[in-house]
Amino acid sequence: MQHTVHLELWKGYKRTVKQISDNGVTQEFLSLKEAEHATGIKSQNIGM
């Protein structure tokens, strides 16, 4: 699967994850996994 993604043979879709804090600061992550790692919030608790 990784090979097909690298060669863009797999036509899946991608969504970014955006975080907007109470003070208006935003962050954008390329995946739920990246958002989970950066924020410390488990991916199942991140709404999309």
N, C-alpha and C. Protein backbone atom coordinates (compact mmCIF):
# COMPACT_ATOMS: atom_id res chain seq x y z
N MET A 1 0.83 -1.19 0.00
CA MET A 1 0.00 0.00 0.00
C MET A 1 0.87 1.26 0.00
N GLN A 2 1.93 1.28 0.78
CA GLN A 2 2.78 2.46 0.85
C GLN A 2 3.35 2.79 -0.54
N HIS A 3 3.72 1.76 -1.29
CA HIS A 3 4.26 1.95 -2.63
C HIS A 3 3.23 2.61 -3.55
N THR A 4 1.97 2.15 -3.48
CA THR A 4 0.94 2.73 -4.34
C THR A 4 0.63 4.17 -3.96
N VAL A 5 0.69 4.48 -2.68
CA VAL A 5 0.46 5.87 -2.25
C VAL A 5 1.60 6.75 -2.75
N HIS A 6 2.82 6.27 -2.62
CA HIS A 6 3.99 7.04 -3.07
C HIS A 6 3.91 7.34 -4.56
N LEU A 7 3.47 6.38 -5.35
CA LEU A 7 3.37 6.57 -6.80
C LEU A 7 2.05 7.21 -7.22
N GLU A 8 1.22 7.55 -6.24
CA GLU A 8 -0.09 8.16 -6.47
C GLU A 8 -1.00 7.27 -7.32
N LEU A 9 -0.84 5.95 -7.18
CA LEU A 9 -1.72 5.01 -7.87
C LEU A 9 -3.00 4.80 -7.09
N TRP A 10 -2.95 5.07 -5.80
CA TRP A 10 -4.11 4.92 -4.94
C TRP A 10 -4.84 6.24 -4.93
N LYS A 11 -6.11 6.23 -5.28
CA LYS A 11 -6.87 7.47 -5.41
C LYS A 11 -7.75 7.72 -4.20
N GLY A 12 -7.22 7.51 -3.01
CA GLY A 12 -7.95 7.83 -1.79
C GLY A 12 -8.02 9.34 -1.62
N TYR A 13 -8.76 9.78 -0.65
CA TYR A 13 -8.86 11.21 -0.40
C TYR A 13 -8.14 11.55 0.89
N LYS A 14 -7.75 12.78 1.00
CA LYS A 14 -7.05 13.25 2.19
C LYS A 14 -7.82 14.42 2.78
N ARG A 15 -7.82 14.49 4.08
CA ARG A 15 -8.40 15.63 4.78
C ARG A 15 -7.39 16.11 5.81
N THR A 16 -7.28 17.40 5.91
CA THR A 16 -6.42 17.94 6.95
C THR A 16 -7.24 18.11 8.23
N VAL A 17 -6.55 18.17 9.33
CA VAL A 17 -7.17 18.39 10.63
C VAL A 17 -6.75 19.78 11.08
N LYS A 18 -7.72 20.61 11.43
CA LYS A 18 -7.42 21.97 11.87
C LYS A 18 -7.79 22.13 13.33
N GLN A 19 -6.92 22.79 14.07
CA GLN A 19 -7.17 23.09 15.47
C GLN A 19 -7.27 24.60 15.60
N ILE A 20 -8.35 25.06 16.21
CA ILE A 20 -8.53 26.49 16.47
C ILE A 20 -8.67 26.66 17.97
N SER A 21 -7.72 27.35 18.57
CA SER A 21 -7.75 27.54 20.03
C SER A 21 -8.70 28.67 20.40
N ASP A 22 -8.99 28.77 21.68
CA ASP A 22 -9.90 29.81 22.17
C ASP A 22 -9.42 31.23 21.85
N ASN A 23 -8.10 31.40 21.76
CA ASN A 23 -7.57 32.75 21.47
C ASN A 23 -7.37 32.99 19.98
N GLY A 24 -7.87 32.08 19.13
CA GLY A 24 -7.84 32.28 17.69
C GLY A 24 -6.62 31.75 16.96
N VAL A 25 -5.69 31.15 17.69
CA VAL A 25 -4.51 30.57 17.05
C VAL A 25 -4.91 29.28 16.36
N THR A 26 -4.46 29.09 15.12
CA THR A 26 -4.82 27.88 14.38
C THR A 26 -3.57 27.05 14.07
N GLN A 27 -3.79 25.75 13.98
CA GLN A 27 -2.77 24.81 13.54
C GLN A 27 -3.43 23.87 12.56
N GLU A 28 -2.67 23.39 11.58
CA GLU A 28 -3.20 22.44 10.61
C GLU A 28 -2.29 21.22 10.58
N PHE A 29 -2.90 20.04 10.57
CA PHE A 29 -2.17 18.78 10.57
C PHE A 29 -2.59 17.98 9.34
N LEU A 30 -1.67 17.21 8.80
CA LEU A 30 -1.95 16.42 7.60
C LEU A 30 -2.72 15.14 7.88
N SER A 31 -2.78 14.74 9.15
CA SER A 31 -3.48 13.50 9.49
C SER A 31 -3.93 13.53 10.95
N LEU A 32 -4.83 12.62 11.28
CA LEU A 32 -5.25 12.48 12.67
C LEU A 32 -4.07 12.05 13.54
N LYS A 33 -3.25 11.17 13.01
CA LYS A 33 -2.08 10.69 13.76
C LYS A 33 -1.14 11.84 14.10
N GLU A 34 -0.90 12.73 13.14
CA GLU A 34 -0.04 13.88 13.39
C GLU A 34 -0.67 14.82 14.42
N ALA A 35 -1.98 15.04 14.32
CA ALA A 35 -2.68 15.89 15.28
C ALA A 35 -2.62 15.29 16.68
N GLU A 36 -2.81 13.98 16.76
CA GLU A 36 -2.74 13.29 18.05
C GLU A 36 -1.36 13.46 18.68
N HIS A 37 -0.33 13.27 17.88
CA HIS A 37 1.05 13.38 18.39
C HIS A 37 1.36 14.80 18.86
N ALA A 38 0.95 15.79 18.09
CA ALA A 38 1.28 17.19 18.41
C ALA A 38 0.48 17.73 19.59
N THR A 39 -0.77 17.30 19.72
CA THR A 39 -1.63 17.88 20.76
C THR A 39 -1.73 17.04 22.02
N GLY A 40 -1.42 15.74 21.90
CA GLY A 40 -1.58 14.85 23.04
C GLY A 40 -3.02 14.39 23.24
N ILE A 41 -3.90 14.73 22.30
CA ILE A 41 -5.31 14.32 22.36
C ILE A 41 -5.47 13.05 21.53
N LYS A 42 -6.08 12.02 22.10
CA LYS A 42 -6.26 10.77 21.37
C LYS A 42 -7.10 11.01 20.12
N SER A 43 -6.73 10.33 19.03
CA SER A 43 -7.38 10.58 17.74
C SER A 43 -8.88 10.33 17.77
N GLN A 44 -9.34 9.38 18.59
CA GLN A 44 -10.79 9.12 18.66
C GLN A 44 -11.55 10.26 19.34
N ASN A 45 -10.82 11.16 20.02
CA ASN A 45 -11.44 12.32 20.67
C ASN A 45 -11.33 13.59 19.84
N ILE A 46 -10.76 13.47 18.65
CA ILE A 46 -10.64 14.63 17.75
C ILE A 46 -11.81 14.60 16.78
N GLY A 47 -12.61 15.66 16.79
CA GLY A 47 -13.77 15.74 15.89
C GLY A 47 -13.35 16.27 14.54
N MET A 48 -14.07 15.79 13.53
CA MET A 48 -13.77 16.25 12.18
C MET A 48 -14.99 16.83 11.54
